[in-house]
């Protein structure tokens, strides 16, 4: 029985290594979102509107690369931004608000389901 545990453990390690290798090969051979993403730091904390930030980044690209220049493209287009907030100081409050929102959404969904059932005559 002990040998079976050791063998299973070793096989699981080998499987994990093969999975990582397959993921690396897939990433090298295919275009994924990470191939087209940038991480910007030092952005002013006042820039909290995605549309405004997208415009500013687009302008910066247009100035830095006026002809585009990537793969024969004439223009580099910023498709969108995702803003990450540092909310470490208030994480408890944010989590509590999130929990209340989820509870409210759950109650709303239960109410809609019961209304739908009563319209169908099921309940």
Protein backbone atom coordinates (compact mmCIF):
# COMPACT_ATOMS: atom_id res chain seq x y z
CA UNK A 1 0.00 0.00 0.00
CA UNK A 2 2.87 2.38 0.84
CA UNK A 3 4.44 1.76 -2.56
CA UNK A 4 1.16 2.68 -4.23
CA UNK A 5 1.09 6.04 -2.42
CA UNK A 6 4.68 6.81 -3.42
CA UNK A 7 4.01 5.80 -7.02
CA UNK A 8 0.84 7.92 -7.16
CA UNK A 9 2.73 10.89 -5.71
CA UNK A 10 5.55 10.57 -8.25
CA UNK A 11 3.09 10.20 -11.12
CA UNK A 12 1.20 13.32 -9.98
CA UNK A 13 4.48 15.29 -9.95
CA UNK A 14 5.30 14.05 -13.46
CA UNK A 15 1.80 14.95 -14.64
CA UNK A 16 2.14 18.47 -13.21
CA UNK A 17 5.46 18.94 -14.97
CA UNK A 18 3.96 17.79 -18.27
CA UNK A 19 1.02 20.15 -17.81
CA UNK A 20 3.35 23.13 -17.30
CA UNK A 21 5.37 22.12 -20.34
CA UNK A 22 2.23 21.80 -22.47
CA UNK A 23 1.02 25.22 -21.29
CA UNK A 24 4.36 26.83 -22.20
CA UNK A 25 4.34 25.24 -25.65
CA UNK A 26 0.74 26.34 -26.24
CA UNK A 27 1.57 29.91 -25.17
CA UNK A 28 4.59 30.04 -27.47
CA UNK A 29 2.64 28.76 -30.49
CA UNK A 30 -0.57 30.77 -30.02
CA UNK A 31 -1.47 34.42 -29.57
CA UNK A 32 -3.09 34.95 -26.19
CA UNK A 33 -4.36 38.07 -24.43
CA UNK A 34 -1.10 38.41 -22.50
CA UNK A 35 0.69 38.94 -25.82
CA UNK A 36 -1.28 42.16 -26.30
CA UNK A 37 -1.40 43.52 -22.77
CA UNK A 38 0.61 46.21 -21.02
CA UNK A 39 0.96 46.96 -17.36
CA UNK A 40 1.26 50.66 -16.61
CA UNK A 41 2.50 51.95 -13.29
CA UNK A 42 2.71 55.48 -11.98
CA UNK A 43 -0.71 56.43 -13.35
CA UNK A 44 -2.23 59.38 -11.51
CA UNK A 45 -4.66 58.23 -8.84
CA UNK A 46 -7.21 60.77 -10.08
CA UNK A 47 -7.60 58.85 -13.37
CA UNK A 48 -10.41 56.53 -12.35
CA UNK A 49 -12.60 56.75 -15.47
CA UNK A 50 -11.80 54.02 -17.98
CA UNK A 51 -12.82 56.10 -21.00
CA UNK A 52 -10.61 59.02 -19.98
CA UNK A 53 -7.65 56.75 -19.26
CA UNK A 54 -8.12 54.94 -22.58
CA UNK A 55 -8.06 58.30 -24.41
CA UNK A 56 -4.87 59.41 -22.62
CA UNK A 57 -3.11 56.11 -23.38
CA UNK A 58 -4.27 56.28 -27.00
CA UNK A 59 -2.85 59.81 -27.32
CA UNK A 60 0.45 58.64 -25.83
CA UNK A 61 0.63 55.79 -28.39
CA UNK A 62 -0.21 58.16 -31.23
CA UNK A 63 2.62 60.50 -30.21
CA UNK A 64 5.15 57.74 -29.54
CA UNK A 65 4.33 55.66 -32.65
CA UNK A 66 2.83 58.02 -35.24
CA UNK A 67 2.98 55.44 -38.04
CA UNK A 68 1.97 52.45 -35.99
CA UNK A 69 4.80 50.31 -37.24
CA UNK A 70 3.81 46.95 -35.81
CA UNK A 71 3.38 44.27 -38.44
CA UNK A 72 2.68 46.83 -41.13
CA UNK A 73 -0.26 48.31 -39.26
CA UNK A 74 -0.94 51.98 -39.75
CA UNK A 75 -2.35 52.54 -36.29
CA UNK A 76 -2.06 51.06 -32.79
CA UNK A 77 -5.51 50.98 -31.22
CA UNK A 78 -6.06 50.86 -27.48
CA UNK A 79 -9.09 48.64 -27.08
CA UNK A 80 -9.66 49.25 -23.40
CA UNK A 81 -8.22 49.44 -19.94
CA UNK A 82 -8.77 47.62 -16.68
CA UNK A 83 -8.07 49.71 -13.64
CA UNK A 84 -6.67 47.94 -10.58
CA UNK A 85 -7.21 49.68 -7.29
CA UNK A 86 -5.09 49.40 -4.17
CA UNK A 87 -7.80 49.02 -1.54
CA UNK A 88 -5.74 47.34 1.15
CA UNK A 89 -6.63 50.03 3.70
CA UNK A 90 -10.39 49.47 3.23
CA UNK A 91 -10.58 45.84 2.12
CA UNK A 92 -12.93 44.89 4.97
CA UNK A 93 -15.44 47.57 3.98
CA UNK A 94 -15.22 46.63 0.30
CA UNK A 95 -15.73 42.94 1.04
CA UNK A 96 -18.73 43.74 3.25
CA UNK A 97 -20.27 45.86 0.48
CA UNK A 98 -19.63 43.08 -2.02
CA UNK A 99 -21.30 40.54 0.25
CA UNK A 100 -24.35 42.79 0.70
CA UNK A 101 -24.56 43.28 -3.07
CA UNK A 102 -24.44 39.53 -3.72
CA UNK A 103 -27.12 38.93 -1.07
CA UNK A 104 -29.32 41.61 -2.64
CA UNK A 105 -28.86 40.15 -6.12
CA UNK A 106 -29.72 36.69 -4.77
CA UNK A 107 -32.91 37.98 -3.15
CA UNK A 108 -33.88 39.82 -6.34
CA UNK A 109 -33.34 36.66 -8.38
CA UNK A 110 -35.41 34.56 -5.94
CA UNK A 111 -38.19 37.15 -6.16
CA UNK A 112 -38.14 37.07 -9.97
CA UNK A 113 -38.21 33.26 -10.00
CA UNK A 114 -41.18 33.14 -7.63
CA UNK A 115 -43.02 35.78 -9.71
CA UNK A 116 -42.33 33.77 -12.86
CA UNK A 117 -43.59 30.57 -11.22
CA UNK A 118 -46.77 32.26 -10.04
CA UNK A 119 -47.43 33.60 -13.55
CA UNK A 120 -47.08 30.08 -14.89
CA UNK A 121 -49.42 28.76 -12.23
CA UNK A 122 -46.78 26.69 -10.54
CA UNK A 123 -46.64 28.14 -7.24
